[in-house]
Amino acid sequence: MQMSDLSSQIQHSTKYQSTGLQEVLATTHEVKALIDQYVDSSQQMTQVSQDLAVELECCKTLLQSIQALRVF
């Protein structure tokens, strides 16, 4: 094997590895974006759940007040 052949193989291998690493990096960015979307959605659902819990307590209080007025 000549040095030029070896050099050519090394260059090809390096280019192949570089391309693979770029694909891994791109995929990593895509996965991170999906995780960020999930986190945002999860936080929104948590906020909506908390808001609904507050509304439920208000409804319970209102219902108790109405029931108390019926007693009179």
Protein backbone atom coordinates (compact mmCIF):
# COMPACT_ATOMS: atom_id res chain seq x y z
CA MET A 1 0.00 0.00 0.00
CA GLN A 2 1.38 3.34 -0.96
CA MET A 3 1.36 6.41 1.25
CA SER A 4 -1.02 8.20 -1.11
CA ASP A 5 -3.49 5.30 -0.83
CA LEU A 6 -3.21 5.36 2.94
CA SER A 7 -3.64 9.12 2.98
CA SER A 8 -6.68 8.84 0.73
CA GLN A 9 -8.24 6.20 2.99
CA ILE A 10 -7.59 8.32 6.07
CA GLN A 11 -9.20 11.35 4.41
CA HIS A 12 -12.20 9.27 3.36
CA SER A 13 -12.54 7.82 6.86
CA THR A 14 -12.26 11.26 8.45
CA LYS A 15 -14.88 12.69 6.12
CA TYR A 16 -17.20 9.74 6.84
CA GLN A 17 -16.77 10.20 10.61
CA SER A 18 -17.34 13.94 10.31
CA THR A 19 -20.55 13.39 8.36
CA GLY A 20 -21.73 10.88 10.96
CA LEU A 21 -21.00 13.29 13.79
CA GLN A 22 -22.89 16.07 12.00
CA GLU A 23 -25.90 13.77 11.66
CA VAL A 24 -25.71 12.86 15.34
CA LEU A 25 -25.52 16.55 16.25
CA ALA A 26 -28.52 17.38 14.05
CA THR A 27 -30.51 14.53 15.58
CA THR A 28 -29.52 15.67 19.06
CA HIS A 29 -30.82 19.16 18.29
CA GLU A 30 -34.09 17.67 17.00
CA VAL A 31 -34.50 15.56 20.14
CA LYS A 32 -33.77 18.58 22.35
CA ALA A 33 -36.40 20.60 20.47
CA LEU A 34 -38.95 17.81 21.02
CA ILE A 35 -38.08 17.63 24.72
CA ASP A 36 -38.45 21.41 25.01
CA GLN A 37 -41.89 21.18 23.37
CA TYR A 38 -42.87 18.41 25.78
CA VAL A 39 -41.70 20.46 28.76
CA ASP A 40 -43.64 23.50 27.54
CA SER A 41 -46.77 21.40 27.01
CA SER A 42 -46.35 19.76 30.39
CA GLN A 43 -45.99 23.14 32.11
CA GLN A 44 -49.09 24.42 30.31
CA MET A 45 -51.08 21.35 31.37
CA THR A 46 -49.89 21.80 34.96
CA GLN A 47 -51.01 25.45 34.90
CA VAL A 48 -54.40 24.52 33.43
CA SER A 49 -54.83 21.81 36.07
CA GLN A 50 -54.02 24.28 38.83
CA ASP A 51 -56.44 26.84 37.37
CA LEU A 52 -59.17 24.20 37.20
CA ALA A 53 -58.52 23.21 40.81
CA VAL A 54 -58.96 26.84 41.87
CA GLU A 55 -62.18 27.12 39.84
CA LEU A 56 -63.45 23.91 41.41
CA GLU A 57 -62.86 25.29 44.90
CA CYS A 58 -64.69 28.49 43.93
CA CYS A 59 -67.62 26.43 42.62
CA LYS A 60 -67.71 24.39 45.83
CA THR A 61 -67.76 27.57 47.91
CA LEU A 62 -70.50 29.06 45.75
CA LEU A 63 -72.56 25.87 46.00
CA GLN A 64 -72.17 25.84 49.79
CA SER A 65 -73.30 29.47 49.92
CA ILE A 66 -76.36 28.70 47.80
CA GLN A 67 -77.21 25.70 49.97
CA ALA A 68 -76.83 27.84 53.10
CA LEU A 69 -79.24 30.42 51.66
CA ARG A 70 -81.81 27.71 50.96
CA VAL A 71 -81.84 26.80 54.65
CA PHE A 72 -83.22 30.22 55.53
